[in-house]
Amino acid sequence: PAVRGVMTGKIFEYIGAQRPILAMIPADSAVNDLLTHTRCGATAQSASQVTDFLEKLLEKKESFYNPDKAAVASYSGEAVAGRLARLLEELCAGKH
Protein backbone atom coordinates (compact mmCIF):
# COMPACT_ATOMS: atom_id res chain seq x y z
CA PRO A 1 0.00 0.00 0.00
CA ALA A 2 2.85 2.43 0.70
CA VAL A 3 3.95 2.54 -2.96
CA ARG A 4 0.57 3.41 -4.45
CA GLY A 5 1.20 7.17 -4.49
CA VAL A 6 4.96 7.08 -5.02
CA MET A 7 6.65 7.99 -8.30
CA THR A 8 10.43 8.09 -8.12
CA GLY A 9 12.64 9.74 -10.68
CA LYS A 10 13.59 6.31 -11.96
CA ILE A 11 10.23 5.81 -13.70
CA PHE A 12 10.87 8.98 -15.70
CA GLU A 13 14.33 7.68 -16.65
CA TYR A 14 12.66 4.49 -17.90
CA ILE A 15 10.17 6.53 -19.94
CA GLY A 16 13.07 8.53 -21.35
CA ALA A 17 14.73 5.29 -22.50
CA GLN A 18 11.83 4.90 -24.97
CA ARG A 19 11.32 1.20 -24.34
CA PRO A 20 8.20 -0.65 -23.14
CA ILE A 21 7.95 -0.69 -19.35
CA LEU A 22 6.48 -3.51 -17.29
CA ALA A 23 6.10 -2.64 -13.61
CA MET A 24 5.19 -5.22 -11.00
CA ILE A 25 3.16 -2.86 -8.82
CA PRO A 26 -0.46 -2.45 -7.73
CA ALA A 27 -2.93 -1.63 -10.50
CA ASP A 28 -4.28 1.30 -8.46
CA SER A 29 -0.93 3.07 -8.21
CA ALA A 30 0.29 6.45 -9.44
CA VAL A 31 2.84 4.71 -11.67
CA ASN A 32 0.07 2.68 -13.32
CA ASP A 33 -1.79 5.94 -14.00
CA LEU A 34 1.39 7.43 -15.49
CA LEU A 35 2.07 4.40 -17.71
CA THR A 36 -1.54 4.37 -18.88
CA HIS A 37 -1.57 8.13 -19.57
CA THR A 38 1.69 8.05 -21.53
CA ARG A 39 1.11 4.61 -23.09
CA CYS A 40 4.70 3.72 -22.17
CA GLY A 41 3.94 0.41 -20.51
CA ALA A 42 1.78 -1.60 -18.19
CA THR A 43 1.61 -3.05 -14.71
CA ALA A 44 1.35 -6.67 -13.70
CA GLN A 45 0.31 -8.33 -10.49
CA SER A 46 0.81 -11.97 -11.47
CA ALA A 47 3.09 -14.23 -13.46
CA SER A 48 0.37 -14.76 -16.07
CA GLN A 49 0.11 -11.00 -16.63
CA VAL A 50 3.88 -10.81 -17.11
CA THR A 51 3.67 -13.68 -19.61
CA ASP A 52 0.83 -11.95 -21.49
CA PHE A 53 2.80 -8.70 -21.67
CA LEU A 54 5.93 -10.43 -22.98
CA GLU A 55 3.98 -12.49 -25.52
CA LYS A 56 2.32 -9.36 -26.91
CA LEU A 57 5.67 -7.60 -27.01
CA LEU A 58 7.29 -10.43 -28.97
CA GLU A 59 4.28 -10.78 -31.26
CA LYS A 60 4.02 -7.13 -32.23
CA LYS A 61 7.67 -6.04 -31.79
CA GLU A 62 8.10 -2.48 -33.06
CA SER A 63 4.37 -1.73 -33.25
CA PHE A 64 3.92 -2.73 -29.59
CA TYR A 65 5.50 0.46 -28.22
CA ASN A 66 3.46 3.50 -29.23
CA PRO A 67 3.68 6.17 -26.53
CA ASP A 68 1.62 9.34 -26.49
CA LYS A 69 4.41 11.81 -27.29
CA ALA A 70 2.46 14.83 -26.03
CA ALA A 71 1.73 13.09 -22.72
CA VAL A 72 5.38 12.06 -22.36
CA ALA A 73 6.52 15.63 -23.11
CA SER A 74 4.22 16.95 -20.39
CA TYR A 75 6.39 15.12 -17.83
CA SER A 76 9.73 16.52 -19.06
CA GLY A 77 11.81 18.48 -16.58
CA GLU A 78 11.22 21.65 -18.58
CA ALA A 79 7.44 21.17 -18.67
CA VAL A 80 7.21 20.35 -14.95
CA ALA A 81 9.45 23.30 -14.03
CA GLY A 82 7.26 25.59 -16.13
CA ARG A 83 4.10 24.43 -14.36
CA LEU A 84 5.78 24.91 -10.98
CA ALA A 85 6.97 28.41 -11.93
CA ARG A 86 3.44 29.41 -13.03
CA LEU A 87 1.99 28.04 -9.79
CA LEU A 88 4.52 29.95 -7.71
CA GLU A 89 3.83 33.14 -9.68
CA GLU A 90 0.10 32.72 -9.07
CA LEU A 91 0.66 32.14 -5.36
CA CYS A 92 2.93 35.13 -5.04
CA ALA A 93 0.54 37.36 -7.00
CA GLY A 94 -2.27 36.44 -4.64
CA LYS A 95 -0.27 37.42 -1.55
CA HIS A 96 0.56 41.00 -2.62
PDB file of N, CA and C in Angstrom:
ATOM      1  N   PRO A   1       0.804  -1.222   0.000  1.00  0.00           N
ATOM      2  CA  PRO A   1       0.000   0.000   0.000  1.00  0.00           C
ATOM      3  C   PRO A   1       0.837   1.272   0.000  1.00  0.00           C
ATOM      4  N   ALA A   2       2.025   1.224   0.581  1.00  0.00           N
ATOM      5  CA  ALA A   2       2.845   2.425   0.699  1.00  0.00           C
ATOM      6  C   ALA A   2       3.332   2.943  -0.649  1.00  0.00           C
ATOM      7  N   VAL A   3       3.416   2.096  -1.663  1.00  0.00           N
ATOM      8  CA  VAL A   3       3.954   2.538  -2.957  1.00  0.00           C
ATOM      9  C   VAL A   3       2.891   3.082  -3.898  1.00  0.00           C
ATOM     10  N   ARG A   4       1.646   3.020  -3.530  1.00  0.00           N
ATOM     11  CA  ARG A   4       0.574   3.409  -4.450  1.00  0.00           C
ATOM     12  C   ARG A   4       0.683   4.850  -4.934  1.00  0.00           C
ATOM     13  N   GLY A   5       1.118   5.763  -4.098  1.00  0.00           N
ATOM     14  CA  GLY A   5       1.203   7.166  -4.488  1.00  0.00           C
ATOM     15  C   GLY A   5       2.609   7.629  -4.809  1.00  0.00           C
ATOM     16  N   VAL A   6       3.558   6.711  -4.846  1.00  0.00           N
ATOM     17  CA  VAL A   6       4.963   7.081  -5.023  1.00  0.00           C
ATOM     18  C   VAL A   6       5.390   6.964  -6.481  1.00  0.00           C
ATOM     19  N   MET A   7       6.017   8.029  -6.969  1.00  0.00           N
ATOM     20  CA  MET A   7       6.652   7.989  -8.299  1.00  0.00           C
ATOM     21  C   MET A   7       8.069   8.517  -8.118  1.00  0.00           C
ATOM     22  N   THR A   8       9.043   7.653  -8.243  1.00  0.00           N
ATOM     23  CA  THR A   8      10.431   8.088  -8.120  1.00  0.00           C
ATOM     24  C   THR A   8      10.919   8.603  -9.467  1.00  0.00           C
ATOM     25  N   GLY A   9      12.050   9.252  -9.447  1.00  0.00           N
ATOM     26  CA  GLY A   9      12.644   9.745 -10.678  1.00  0.00           C
ATOM     27  C   GLY A   9      13.000   8.628 -11.644  1.00  0.00           C
ATOM     28  N   LYS A  10      13.193   7.435 -11.122  1.00  0.00           N
ATOM     29  CA  LYS A  10      13.595   6.306 -11.957  1.00  0.00           C
ATOM     30  C   LYS A  10      12.540   5.994 -13.022  1.00  0.00           C
ATOM     31  N   ILE A  11      11.269   6.119 -12.709  1.00  0.00           N
ATOM     32  CA  ILE A  11      10.233   5.808 -13.704  1.00  0.00           C
ATOM     33  C   ILE A  11      10.338   6.773 -14.886  1.00  0.00           C
ATOM     34  N   PHE A  12      10.724   8.012 -14.623  1.00  0.00           N
ATOM     35  CA  PHE A  12      10.874   8.977 -15.703  1.00  0.00           C
ATOM     36  C   PHE A  12      12.120   8.679 -16.538  1.00  0.00           C
ATOM     37  N   GLU A  13      13.152   8.128 -15.894  1.00  0.00           N
ATOM     38  CA  GLU A  13      14.326   7.681 -16.649  1.00  0.00           C
ATOM     39  C   GLU A  13      13.935   6.526 -17.582  1.00  0.00           C
ATOM     40  N   TYR A  14      13.114   5.613 -17.081  1.00  0.00           N
ATOM     41  CA  TYR A  14      12.657   4.491 -17.904  1.00  0.00           C
ATOM     42  C   TYR A  14      11.835   4.991 -19.094  1.00  0.00           C
ATOM     43  N   ILE A  15      10.971   5.955 -18.852  1.00  0.00           N
ATOM     44  CA  ILE A  15      10.174   6.527 -19.939  1.00  0.00           C
ATOM     45  C   ILE A  15      11.103   7.184 -20.958  1.00  0.00           C
ATOM     46  N   GLY A  16      12.113   7.881 -20.468  1.00  0.00           N
ATOM     47  CA  GLY A  16      13.066   8.533 -21.353  1.00  0.00           C
ATOM     48  C   GLY A  16      13.869   7.557 -22.202  1.00  0.00           C
ATOM     49  N   ALA A  17      13.997   6.313 -21.740  1.00  0.00           N
ATOM     50  CA  ALA A  17      14.729   5.294 -22.503  1.00  0.00           C
ATOM     51  C   ALA A  17      13.955   4.850 -23.744  1.00  0.00           C
ATOM     52  N   GLN A  18      12.683   5.209 -23.812  1.00  0.00           N
ATOM     53  CA  GLN A  18      11.827   4.903 -24.968  1.00  0.00           C
ATOM     54  C   GLN A  18      11.759   3.416 -25.272  1.00  0.00           C
ATOM     55  N   ARG A  19      11.511   2.643 -24.224  1.00  0.00           N
ATOM     56  CA  ARG A  19      11.320   1.201 -24.338  1.00  0.00           C
ATOM     57  C   ARG A  19      10.081   0.830 -23.536  1.00  0.00           C
ATOM     58  N   PRO A  20       9.381  -0.233 -23.910  1.00  0.00           N
ATOM     59  CA  PRO A  20       8.204  -0.651 -23.141  1.00  0.00           C
ATOM     60  C   PRO A  20       8.567  -0.954 -21.685  1.00  0.00           C
ATOM     61  N   ILE A  21       7.731  -0.513 -20.787  1.00  0.00           N
ATOM     62  CA  ILE A  21       7.948  -0.692 -19.351  1.00  0.00           C
ATOM     63  C   ILE A  21       6.917  -1.675 -18.814  1.00  0.00           C
ATOM     64  N   LEU A  22       7.374  -2.620 -18.022  1.00  0.00           N
ATOM     65  CA  LEU A  22       6.482  -3.513 -17.288  1.00  0.00           C
ATOM     66  C   LEU A  22       6.823  -3.365 -15.823  1.00  0.00           C
ATOM     67  N   ALA A  23       5.891  -2.862 -15.041  1.00  0.00           N
ATOM     68  CA  ALA A  23       6.105  -2.635 -13.613  1.00  0.00           C
ATOM     69  C   ALA A  23       5.267  -3.613 -12.803  1.00  0.00           C
ATOM     70  N   MET A  24       5.897  -4.292 -11.880  1.00  0.00           N
ATOM     71  CA  MET A  24       5.188  -5.219 -10.998  1.00  0.00           C
ATOM     72  C   MET A  24       4.765  -4.449  -9.747  1.00  0.00           C
ATOM     73  N   ILE A  25       3.672  -3.716  -9.887  1.00  0.00           N
ATOM     74  CA  ILE A  25       3.165  -2.858  -8.825  1.00  0.00           C
ATOM     75  C   ILE A  25       1.642  -2.939  -8.821  1.00  0.00           C
ATOM     76  N   PRO A  26       1.000  -2.412  -7.780  1.00  0.00           N
ATOM     77  CA  PRO A  26      -0.464  -2.452  -7.726  1.00  0.00           C
ATOM     78  C   PRO A  26      -1.102  -1.717  -8.910  1.00  0.00           C
ATOM     79  N   ALA A  27      -2.209  -2.231  -9.366  1.00  0.00           N
ATOM     80  CA  ALA A  27      -2.931  -1.633 -10.495  1.00  0.00           C
ATOM     81  C   ALA A  27      -3.486  -0.255 -10.152  1.00  0.00           C
ATOM     82  N   ASP A  28      -3.713   0.007  -8.871  1.00  0.00           N
ATOM     83  CA  ASP A  28      -4.281   1.296  -8.464  1.00  0.00           C
ATOM     84  C   ASP A  28      -3.195   2.253  -7.964  1.00  0.00           C
ATOM     85  N   SER A  29      -2.044   2.234  -8.635  1.00  0.00           N
ATOM     86  CA  SER A  29      -0.928   3.075  -8.207  1.00  0.00           C
ATOM     87  C   SER A  29      -0.748   4.281  -9.128  1.00  0.00           C
ATOM     88  N   ALA A  30      -0.006   5.252  -8.643  1.00  0.00           N
ATOM     89  CA  ALA A  30       0.292   6.449  -9.445  1.00  0.00           C
ATOM     90  C   ALA A  30       1.131   6.088 -10.669  1.00  0.00           C
ATOM     91  N   VAL A  31       2.026   5.118 -10.527  1.00  0.00           N
ATOM     92  CA  VAL A  31       2.841   4.709 -11.673  1.00  0.00           C
ATOM     93  C   VAL A  31       1.967   4.054 -12.740  1.00  0.00           C
ATOM     94  N   ASN A  32       0.995   3.272 -12.346  1.00  0.00           N
ATOM     95  CA  ASN A  32       0.068   2.680 -13.320  1.00  0.00           C
ATOM     96  C   ASN A  32      -0.660   3.787 -14.073  1.00  0.00           C
ATOM     97  N   ASP A  33      -1.109   4.805 -13.351  1.00  0.00           N
ATOM     98  CA  ASP A  33      -1.787   5.936 -14.001  1.00  0.00           C
ATOM     99  C   ASP A  33      -0.855   6.617 -15.000  1.00  0.00           C
ATOM    100  N   LEU A  34       0.408   6.805 -14.615  1.00  0.00           N
ATOM    101  CA  LEU A  34       1.391   7.431 -15.489  1.00  0.00           C
ATOM    102  C   LEU A  34       1.631   6.588 -16.740  1.00  0.00           C
ATOM    103  N   LEU A  35       1.824   5.280 -16.564  1.00  0.00           N
ATOM    104  CA  LEU A  35       2.066   4.401 -17.706  1.00  0.00           C
ATOM    105  C   LEU A  35       0.858   4.351 -18.634  1.00  0.00           C
ATOM    106  N   THR A  36      -0.323   4.368 -18.074  1.00  0.00           N
ATOM    107  CA  THR A  36      -1.539   4.369 -18.880  1.00  0.00           C
ATOM    108  C   THR A  36      -1.671   5.682 -19.648  1.00  0.00           C
ATOM    109  N   HIS A  37      -1.437   6.808 -18.952  1.00  0.00           N
ATOM    110  CA  HIS A  37      -1.569   8.132 -19.571  1.00  0.00           C
ATOM    111  C   HIS A  37      -0.573   8.316 -20.714  1.00  0.00           C
ATOM    112  N   THR A  38       0.654   7.865 -20.516  1.00  0.00           N
ATOM    113  CA  THR A  38       1.692   8.054 -21.530  1.00  0.00           C
ATOM    114  C   THR A  38       1.753   6.915 -22.545  1.00  0.00           C
ATOM    115  N   ARG A  39       1.069   5.830 -22.268  1.00  0.00           N
ATOM    116  CA  ARG A  39       1.107   4.606 -23.092  1.00  0.00           C
ATOM    117  C   ARG A  39       2.534   4.064 -23.233  1.00  0.00           C
ATOM    118  N   CYS A  40       3.298   4.191 -22.150  1.00  0.00           N
ATOM    119  CA  CYS A  40       4.697   3.725 -22.170  1.00  0.00           C
ATOM    120  C   CYS A  40       4.867   2.329 -21.590  1.00  0.00           C
ATOM    121  N   GLY A  41       3.803   1.743 -21.090  1.00  0.00           N
ATOM    122  CA  GLY A  41       3.945   0.411 -20.514  1.00  0.00           C
ATOM    123  C   GLY A  41       2.700  -0.023 -19.783  1.00  0.00           C
ATOM    124  N   ALA A  42       2.894  -1.006 -18.917  1.00  0.00           N
ATOM    125  CA  ALA A  42       1.776  -1.599 -18.192  1.00  0.00           C
ATOM    126  C   ALA A  42       2.249  -2.075 -16.822  1.00  0.00           C
ATOM    127  N   THR A  43       1.295  -2.444 -15.998  1.00  0.00           N
ATOM    128  CA  THR A  43       1.608  -3.046 -14.708  1.00  0.00           C
ATOM    129  C   THR A  43       1.129  -4.484 -14.701  1.00  0.00           C
ATOM    130  N   ALA A  44       1.734  -5.268 -13.848  1.00  0.00           N
ATOM    131  CA  ALA A  44       1.351  -6.667 -13.701  1.00  0.00           C
ATOM    132  C   ALA A  44       1.327  -7.003 -12.217  1.00  0.00           C
ATOM    133  N   GLN A  45       0.410  -7.881 -11.869  1.00  0.00           N
ATOM    134  CA  GLN A  45       0.314  -8.326 -10.489  1.00  0.00           C
ATOM    135  C   GLN A  45       0.470  -9.845 -10.374  1.00  0.00           C
ATOM    136  N   SER A  46       0.677 -10.511 -11.488  1.00  0.00           N
ATOM    137  CA  SER A  46       0.813 -11.972 -11.469  1.00  0.00           C
ATOM    138  C   SER A  46       1.749 -12.435 -12.576  1.00  0.00           C
ATOM    139  N   ALA A  47       2.209 -13.648 -12.439  1.00  0.00           N
ATOM    140  CA  ALA A  47       3.094 -14.229 -13.457  1.00  0.00           C
ATOM    141  C   ALA A  47       2.388 -14.330 -14.803  1.00  0.00           C
ATOM    142  N   SER A  48       1.095 -14.635 -14.795  1.00  0.00           N
ATOM    143  CA  SER A  48       0.374 -14.756 -16.069  1.00  0.00           C
ATOM    144  C   SER A  48       0.270 -13.401 -16.776  1.00  0.00           C
ATOM    145  N   GLN A  49       0.145 -12.321 -16.024  1.00  0.00           N
ATOM    146  CA  GLN A  49       0.106 -10.995 -16.635  1.00  0.00           C
ATOM    147  C   GLN A  49       1.469 -10.630 -17.227  1.00  0.00           C
ATOM    148  N   VAL A  50       2.538 -11.041 -16.570  1.00  0.00           N
ATOM    149  CA  VAL A  50       3.879 -10.813 -17.110  1.00  0.00           C
ATOM    150  C   VAL A  50       4.028 -11.586 -18.415  1.00  0.00           C
ATOM    151  N   THR A  51       3.597 -12.841 -18.404  1.00  0.00           N
ATOM    152  CA  THR A  51       3.667 -13.679 -19.605  1.00  0.00           C
ATOM    153  C   THR A  51       2.874 -13.057 -20.742  1.00  0.00           C
ATOM    154  N   ASP A  52       1.665 -12.589 -20.456  1.00  0.00           N
ATOM    155  CA  ASP A  52       0.831 -11.955 -21.491  1.00  0.00           C
ATOM    156  C   ASP A  52       1.529 -10.733 -22.081  1.00  0.00           C
ATOM    157  N   PHE A  53       2.105  -9.901 -21.221  1.00  0.00           N
ATOM    158  CA  PHE A  53       2.802  -8.704 -21.673  1.00  0.00           C
ATOM    159  C   PHE A  53       3.962  -9.077 -22.606  1.00  0.00           C
ATOM    160  N   LEU A  54       4.764 -10.037 -22.178  1.00  0.00           N
ATOM    161  CA  LEU A  54       5.927 -10.434 -22.976  1.00  0.00           C
ATOM    162  C   LEU A  54       5.526 -11.086 -24.294  1.00  0.00           C
ATOM    163  N   GLU A  55       4.458 -11.878 -24.276  1.00  0.00           N
ATOM    164  CA  GLU A  55       3.979 -12.495 -25.520  1.00  0.00           C
ATOM    165  C   GLU A  55       3.524 -11.437 -26.515  1.00  0.00           C
ATOM    166  N   LYS A  56       2.779 -10.443 -26.036  1.00  0.00           N
ATOM    167  CA  LYS A  56       2.321  -9.358 -26.912  1.00  0.00           C
ATOM    168  C   LYS A  56       3.505  -8.566 -27.446  1.00  0.00           C
ATOM    169  N   LEU A  57       4.477  -8.333 -26.594  1.00  0.00           N
ATOM    170  CA  LEU A  57       5.671  -7.598 -27.011  1.00  0.00           C
ATOM    171  C   LEU A  57       6.406  -8.343 -28.126  1.00  0.00           C
ATOM    172  N   LEU A  58       6.587  -9.636 -27.958  1.00  0.00           N
ATOM    173  CA  LEU A  58       7.285 -10.427 -28.973  1.00  0.00           C
ATOM    174  C   LEU A  58       6.479 -10.554 -30.257  1.00  0.00           C
ATOM    175  N   GLU A  59       5.174 -10.634 -30.105  1.00  0.00           N
ATOM    176  CA  GLU A  59       4.282 -10.785 -31.256  1.00  0.00           C
ATOM    177  C   GLU A  59       4.271  -9.531 -32.131  1.00  0.00           C
ATOM    178  N   LYS A  60       4.200  -8.380 -31.486  1.00  0.00           N
ATOM    179  CA  LYS A  60       4.024  -7.127 -32.229  1.00  0.00           C
ATOM    180  C   LYS A  60       5.333  -6.371 -32.454  1.00  0.00           C
ATOM    181  N   LYS A  61       6.348  -6.677 -31.710  1.00  0.00           N
ATOM    182  CA  LYS A  61       7.669  -6.041 -31.791  1.00  0.00           C
ATOM    183  C   LYS A  61       7.587  -4.526 -31.869  1.00  0.00           C
ATOM    184  N   GLU A  62       8.010  -3.936 -32.971  1.00  0.00           N
ATOM    185  CA  GLU A  62       8.101  -2.477 -33.061  1.00  0.00           C
ATOM    186  C   GLU A  62       6.748  -1.781 -32.888  1.00  0.00           C
ATOM    187  N   SER A  63       5.678  -2.382 -33.350  1.00  0.00           N
ATOM    188  CA  SER A  63       4.375  -1.729 -33.247  1.00  0.00           C
ATOM    189  C   SER A  63       3.803  -1.796 -31.827  1.00  0.00           C
ATOM    190  N   PHE A  64       4.425  -2.574 -30.957  1.00  0.00           N
ATOM    191  CA  PHE A  64       3.921  -2.727 -29.585  1.00  0.00           C
ATOM    192  C   PHE A  64       4.089  -1.428 -28.792  1.00  0.00           C
ATOM    193  N   TYR A  65       5.195  -0.749 -28.990  1.00  0.00           N
ATOM    194  CA  TYR A  65       5.496   0.457 -28.219  1.00  0.00           C
ATOM    195  C   TYR A  65       5.068   1.682 -29.003  1.00  0.00           C
ATOM    196  N   ASN A  66       4.001   2.338 -28.541  1.00  0.00           N
ATOM    197  CA  ASN A  66       3.456   3.501 -29.229  1.00  0.00           C
ATOM    198  C   ASN A  66       3.041   4.544 -28.196  1.00  0.00           C
ATOM    199  N   PRO A  67       4.021   5.214 -27.587  1.00  0.00           N
ATOM    200  CA  PRO A  67       3.681   6.167 -26.532  1.00  0.00           C
ATOM    201  C   PRO A  67       2.978   7.408 -27.061  1.00  0.00           C
ATOM    202  N   ASP A  68       2.255   8.052 -26.191  1.00  0.00           N
ATOM    203  CA  ASP A  68       1.624   9.338 -26.489  1.00  0.00           C
ATOM    204  C   ASP A  68       2.700  10.407 -26.285  1.00  0.00           C
ATOM    205  N   LYS A  69       3.264  10.894 -27.365  1.00  0.00           N
ATOM    206  CA  LYS A  69       4.405  11.811 -27.286  1.00  0.00           C
ATOM    207  C   LYS A  69       4.065  13.102 -26.550  1.00  0.00           C
ATOM    208  N   ALA A  70       2.869  13.601 -26.729  1.00  0.00           N
ATOM    209  CA  ALA A  70       2.465  14.826 -26.030  1.00  0.00           C
ATOM    210  C   ALA A  70       2.370  14.578 -24.521  1.00  0.00           C
ATOM    211  N   ALA A  71       1.830  13.430 -24.149  1.00  0.00           N
ATOM    212  CA  ALA A  71       1.731  13.092 -22.724  1.00  0.00           C
ATOM    213  C   ALA A  71       3.116  12.920 -22.121  1.00  0.00           C
ATOM    214  N   VAL A  72       4.007  12.246 -22.846  1.00  0.00           N
ATOM    215  CA  VAL A  72       5.377  12.061 -22.360  1.00  0.00           C
ATOM    216  C   VAL A  72       6.052  13.419 -22.195  1.00  0.00           C
ATOM    217  N   ALA A  73       5.898  14.301 -23.169  1.00  0.00           N
ATOM    218  CA  ALA A  73       6.517  15.630 -23.111  1.00  0.00           C
ATOM    219  C   ALA A  73       6.010  16.442 -21.924  1.00  0.00           C
ATOM    220  N   SER A  74       4.774  16.203 -21.511  1.00  0.00           N
ATOM    221  CA  SER A  74       4.216  16.951 -20.388  1.00  0.00           C
ATOM    222  C   SER A  74       4.888  16.603 -19.062  1.00  0.00           C
ATOM    223  N   TYR A  75       5.671  15.522 -19.039  1.00  0.00           N
ATOM    224  CA  TYR A  75       6.391  15.121 -17.834  1.00  0.00           C
ATOM    225  C   TYR A  75       7.875  15.446 -17.913  1.00  0.00           C
ATOM    226  N   SER A  76       8.318  16.154 -18.951  1.00  0.00           N
ATOM    227  CA  SER A  76       9.730  16.520 -19.060  1.00  0.00           C
ATOM    228  C   SER A  76      10.086  17.492 -17.939  1.00  0.00           C
ATOM    229  N   GLY A  77      11.364  17.551 -17.623  1.00  0.00           N
ATOM    230  CA  GLY A  77      11.813  18.480 -16.580  1.00  0.00           C
ATOM    231  C   GLY A  77      11.429  19.910 -16.891  1.00  0.00           C
ATOM    232  N   GLU A  78      11.558  20.290 -18.163  1.00  0.00           N
ATOM    233  CA  GLU A  78      11.218  21.650 -18.577  1.00  0.00           C
ATOM    234  C   GLU A  78       9.725  21.929 -18.388  1.00  0.00           C
ATOM    235  N   ALA A  79       8.887  20.978 -18.787  1.00  0.00           N
ATOM    236  CA  ALA A  79       7.437  21.173 -18.666  1.00  0.00           C
ATOM    237  C   ALA A  79       7.010  21.245 -17.203  1.00  0.00           C
ATOM    238  N   VAL A  80       7.558  20.372 -16.372  1.00  0.00           N
ATOM    239  CA  VAL A  80       7.205  20.353 -14.951  1.00  0.00           C
ATOM    240  C   VAL A  80       7.699  21.626 -14.268  1.00  0.00           C
ATOM    241  N   ALA A  81       8.918  22.066 -14.602  1.00  0.00           N
ATOM    242  CA  ALA A  81       9.452  23.303 -14.026  1.00  0.00           C
ATOM    243  C   ALA A  81       8.594  24.495 -14.435  1.00  0.00           C
ATOM    244  N   GLY A  82       8.129  24.513 -15.675  1.00  0.00           N
ATOM    245  CA  GLY A  82       7.258  25.591 -16.132  1.00  0.00           C
ATOM    246  C   GLY A  82       5.952  25.639 -15.365  1.00  0.00           C
ATOM    247  N   ARG A  83       5.361  24.469 -15.134  1.00  0.00           N
ATOM    248  CA  ARG A  83       4.105  24.427 -14.358  1.00  0.00           C
ATOM    249  C   ARG A  83       4.340  24.897 -12.929  1.00  0.00           C
ATOM    250  N   LEU A  84       5.464  24.481 -12.337  1.00  0.00           N
ATOM    251  CA  LEU A  84       5.784  24.907 -10.976  1.00  0.00           C
ATOM    252  C   LEU A  84       6.004  26.418 -10.925  1.00  0.00           C
ATOM    253  N   ALA A  85       6.717  26.963 -11.898  1.00  0.00           N
ATOM    254  CA  ALA A  85       6.966  28.406 -11.934  1.00  0.00           C
ATOM    255  C   ALA A  85       5.652  29.178 -12.028  1.00  0.00           C
ATOM    256  N   ARG A  86       4.741  28.720 -12.901  1.00  0.00           N
ATOM    257  CA  ARG A  86       3.442  29.406 -13.033  1.00  0.00           C
ATOM    258  C   ARG A  86       2.658  29.334 -11.721  1.00  0.00           C
ATOM    259  N   LEU A  87       2.697  28.198 -11.066  1.00  0.00           N
ATOM    260  CA  LEU A  87       1.991  28.044  -9.789  1.00  0.00           C
ATOM    261  C   LEU A  87       2.567  28.987  -8.737  1.00  0.00           C
ATOM    262  N   LEU A  88       3.880  29.055  -8.667  1.00  0.00           N
ATOM    263  CA  LEU A  88       4.524  29.955  -7.706  1.00  0.00           C
ATOM    264  C   LEU A  88       4.201  31.410  -8.014  1.00  0.00           C
ATOM    265  N   GLU A  89       4.187  31.768  -9.292  1.00  0.00           N
ATOM    266  CA  GLU A  89       3.832  33.141  -9.683  1.00  0.00           C
ATOM    267  C   GLU A  89       2.404  33.462  -9.264  1.00  0.00           C
ATOM    268  N   GLU A  90       1.495  32.519  -9.459  1.00  0.00           N
ATOM    269  CA  GLU A  90       0.098  32.721  -9.067  1.00  0.00           C
ATOM    270  C   GLU A  90      -0.022  32.872  -7.560  1.00  0.00           C
ATOM    271  N   LEU A  91       0.709  32.046  -6.820  1.00  0.00           N
ATOM    272  CA  LEU A  91       0.663  32.137  -5.361  1.00  0.00           C
ATOM    273  C   LEU A  91       1.227  33.456  -4.856  1.00  0.00           C
ATOM    274  N   CYS A  92       2.338  33.864  -5.453  1.00  0.00           N
ATOM    275  CA  CYS A  92       2.933  35.130  -5.043  1.00  0.00           C
ATOM    276  C   CYS A  92       2.055  36.317  -5.410  1.00  0.00           C
ATOM    277  N   ALA A  93       1.421  36.283  -6.562  1.00  0.00           N
ATOM    278  CA  ALA A  93       0.541  37.364  -7.000  1.00  0.00           C
ATOM    279  C   ALA A  93      -0.650  37.496  -6.064  1.00  0.00           C
ATOM    280  N   GLY A  94      -1.122  36.406  -5.538  1.00  0.00           N
ATOM    281  CA  GLY A  94      -2.268  36.436  -4.638  1.00  0.00           C
ATOM    282  C   GLY A  94      -1.934  36.955  -3.253  1.00  0.00           C
ATOM    283  N   LYS A  95      -0.671  36.988  -2.888  1.00  0.00           N
ATOM    284  CA  LYS A  95      -0.266  37.422  -1.546  1.00  0.00           C
ATOM    285  C   LYS A  95       0.057  38.909  -1.480  1.00  0.00           C
ATOM    286  N   HIS A  96       0.186  39.575  -2.631  1.00  0.00           N
ATOM    287  CA  HIS A  96       0.560  41.003  -2.625  1.00  0.00           C
ATOM    288  C   HIS A  96      -0.640  41.877  -2.624  1.00  0.00           C
TER     289      HIS A  96
END
